[in-house]
Amino acid sequence: MQTQPVLIRLKEAETEAQRRQAYRQLKGLLGKQAETWRARMIEALALVEARIDFSDEADVPEDLIGPALKMCVNDAKRCWLYCERLR
């Protein structure tokens, strides 16, 4: 389900029940998206922690922080664009 149709239903709701239903759907969509971002941030944090905690280990790649930062920047951009579409 996409956000745009749910927003339209919320805006055009004629009864309180219709408004509640559309709001619940929107809340679910936002929650799923937020959970996706949260999981990716945890993954990025794990990369940074691995590099810090195991920097002296030969089997840990040198550049873990770069990809982690790239993930964070990309997700921040996605979050911004997502929120802009909700306006």
Protein backbone atom coordinates (compact mmCIF):
# COMPACT_ATOMS: atom_id res chain seq x y z
CA MET A 1 0.00 0.00 0.00
CA GLN A 2 1.29 3.47 -0.84
CA THR A 3 1.09 6.60 1.25
CA GLN A 4 -0.53 8.90 -1.31
CA PRO A 5 -3.88 7.02 -1.64
CA VAL A 6 -4.13 6.72 2.14
CA LEU A 7 -3.59 10.47 2.53
CA ILE A 8 -6.32 11.11 -0.03
CA ARG A 9 -8.70 8.80 1.85
CA LEU A 10 -7.85 10.60 5.09
CA LYS A 11 -8.50 13.99 3.53
CA GLU A 12 -11.73 12.93 1.86
CA ALA A 13 -13.15 10.94 4.78
CA GLU A 14 -16.74 11.92 5.48
CA THR A 15 -17.30 10.04 8.71
CA GLU A 16 -15.28 9.62 11.87
CA ALA A 17 -15.00 5.89 11.18
CA GLN A 18 -13.53 6.56 7.73
CA ARG A 19 -11.04 9.00 9.27
CA ARG A 20 -10.00 6.50 11.93
CA GLN A 21 -9.51 3.74 9.34
CA ALA A 22 -7.41 5.95 7.06
CA TYR A 23 -5.36 7.17 10.03
CA ARG A 24 -4.65 3.60 11.17
CA GLN A 25 -3.53 2.68 7.65
CA LEU A 26 -1.26 5.72 7.45
CA LYS A 27 0.18 5.00 10.89
CA GLY A 28 0.97 1.45 9.81
CA LEU A 29 2.73 2.61 6.65
CA LEU A 30 4.83 5.13 8.53
CA GLY A 31 5.67 2.58 11.20
CA LYS A 32 6.89 0.06 8.63
CA GLN A 33 9.06 2.67 6.95
CA ALA A 34 10.47 3.85 10.27
CA GLU A 35 11.29 0.25 11.23
CA THR A 36 13.18 -0.18 7.95
CA TRP A 37 15.25 2.93 8.66
CA ARG A 38 15.86 1.77 12.24
CA ALA A 39 17.13 -1.62 11.08
CA ARG A 40 19.52 0.02 8.60
CA MET A 41 20.84 2.40 11.27
CA ILE A 42 21.52 -0.57 13.57
CA GLU A 43 23.37 -2.26 10.71
CA ALA A 44 25.46 0.88 10.12
CA LEU A 45 26.24 1.14 13.82
CA ALA A 46 27.36 -2.48 13.88
CA LEU A 47 29.82 -1.78 11.05
CA VAL A 48 31.30 1.18 12.92
CA GLU A 49 31.51 -0.77 16.19
CA ALA A 50 33.18 -3.72 14.44
CA ARG A 51 35.82 -1.43 12.97
CA ILE A 52 36.49 0.21 16.34
CA ASP A 53 36.40 -2.94 18.46
CA PHE A 54 38.38 -5.16 16.09
CA SER A 55 40.67 -2.66 14.37
CA ASP A 56 43.72 -4.78 15.18
CA GLU A 57 42.25 -7.96 13.66
CA ALA A 58 43.53 -8.92 10.22
CA ASP A 59 40.19 -10.36 9.03
CA VAL A 60 38.20 -7.14 9.60
CA PRO A 61 38.11 -4.90 6.51
CA GLU A 62 39.79 -1.52 6.82
CA ASP A 63 36.92 0.52 5.44
CA LEU A 64 33.76 -0.29 7.37
CA ILE A 65 33.03 3.27 8.46
CA GLY A 66 32.74 4.64 4.90
CA PRO A 67 29.92 2.27 3.89
CA ALA A 68 28.19 2.86 7.23
CA LEU A 69 28.24 6.62 6.72
CA LYS A 70 27.00 6.20 3.16
CA MET A 71 24.07 4.10 4.44
CA CYS A 72 23.20 6.79 6.98
CA VAL A 73 23.40 9.62 4.46
CA ASN A 74 21.30 7.72 1.91
CA ASP A 75 18.66 6.86 4.50
CA ALA A 76 18.57 10.46 5.74
CA LYS A 77 17.90 11.58 2.16
CA ARG A 78 15.18 8.94 1.76
CA CYS A 79 13.60 10.01 5.03
CA TRP A 80 13.62 13.66 3.96
CA LEU A 81 12.03 12.84 0.59
CA TYR A 82 9.46 10.59 2.23
CA CYS A 83 8.46 13.32 4.66
CA GLU A 84 8.32 15.90 1.88
CA ARG A 85 5.84 13.70 -0.01
CA LEU A 86 3.57 13.67 3.05
CA ARG A 87 3.22 17.46 3.03
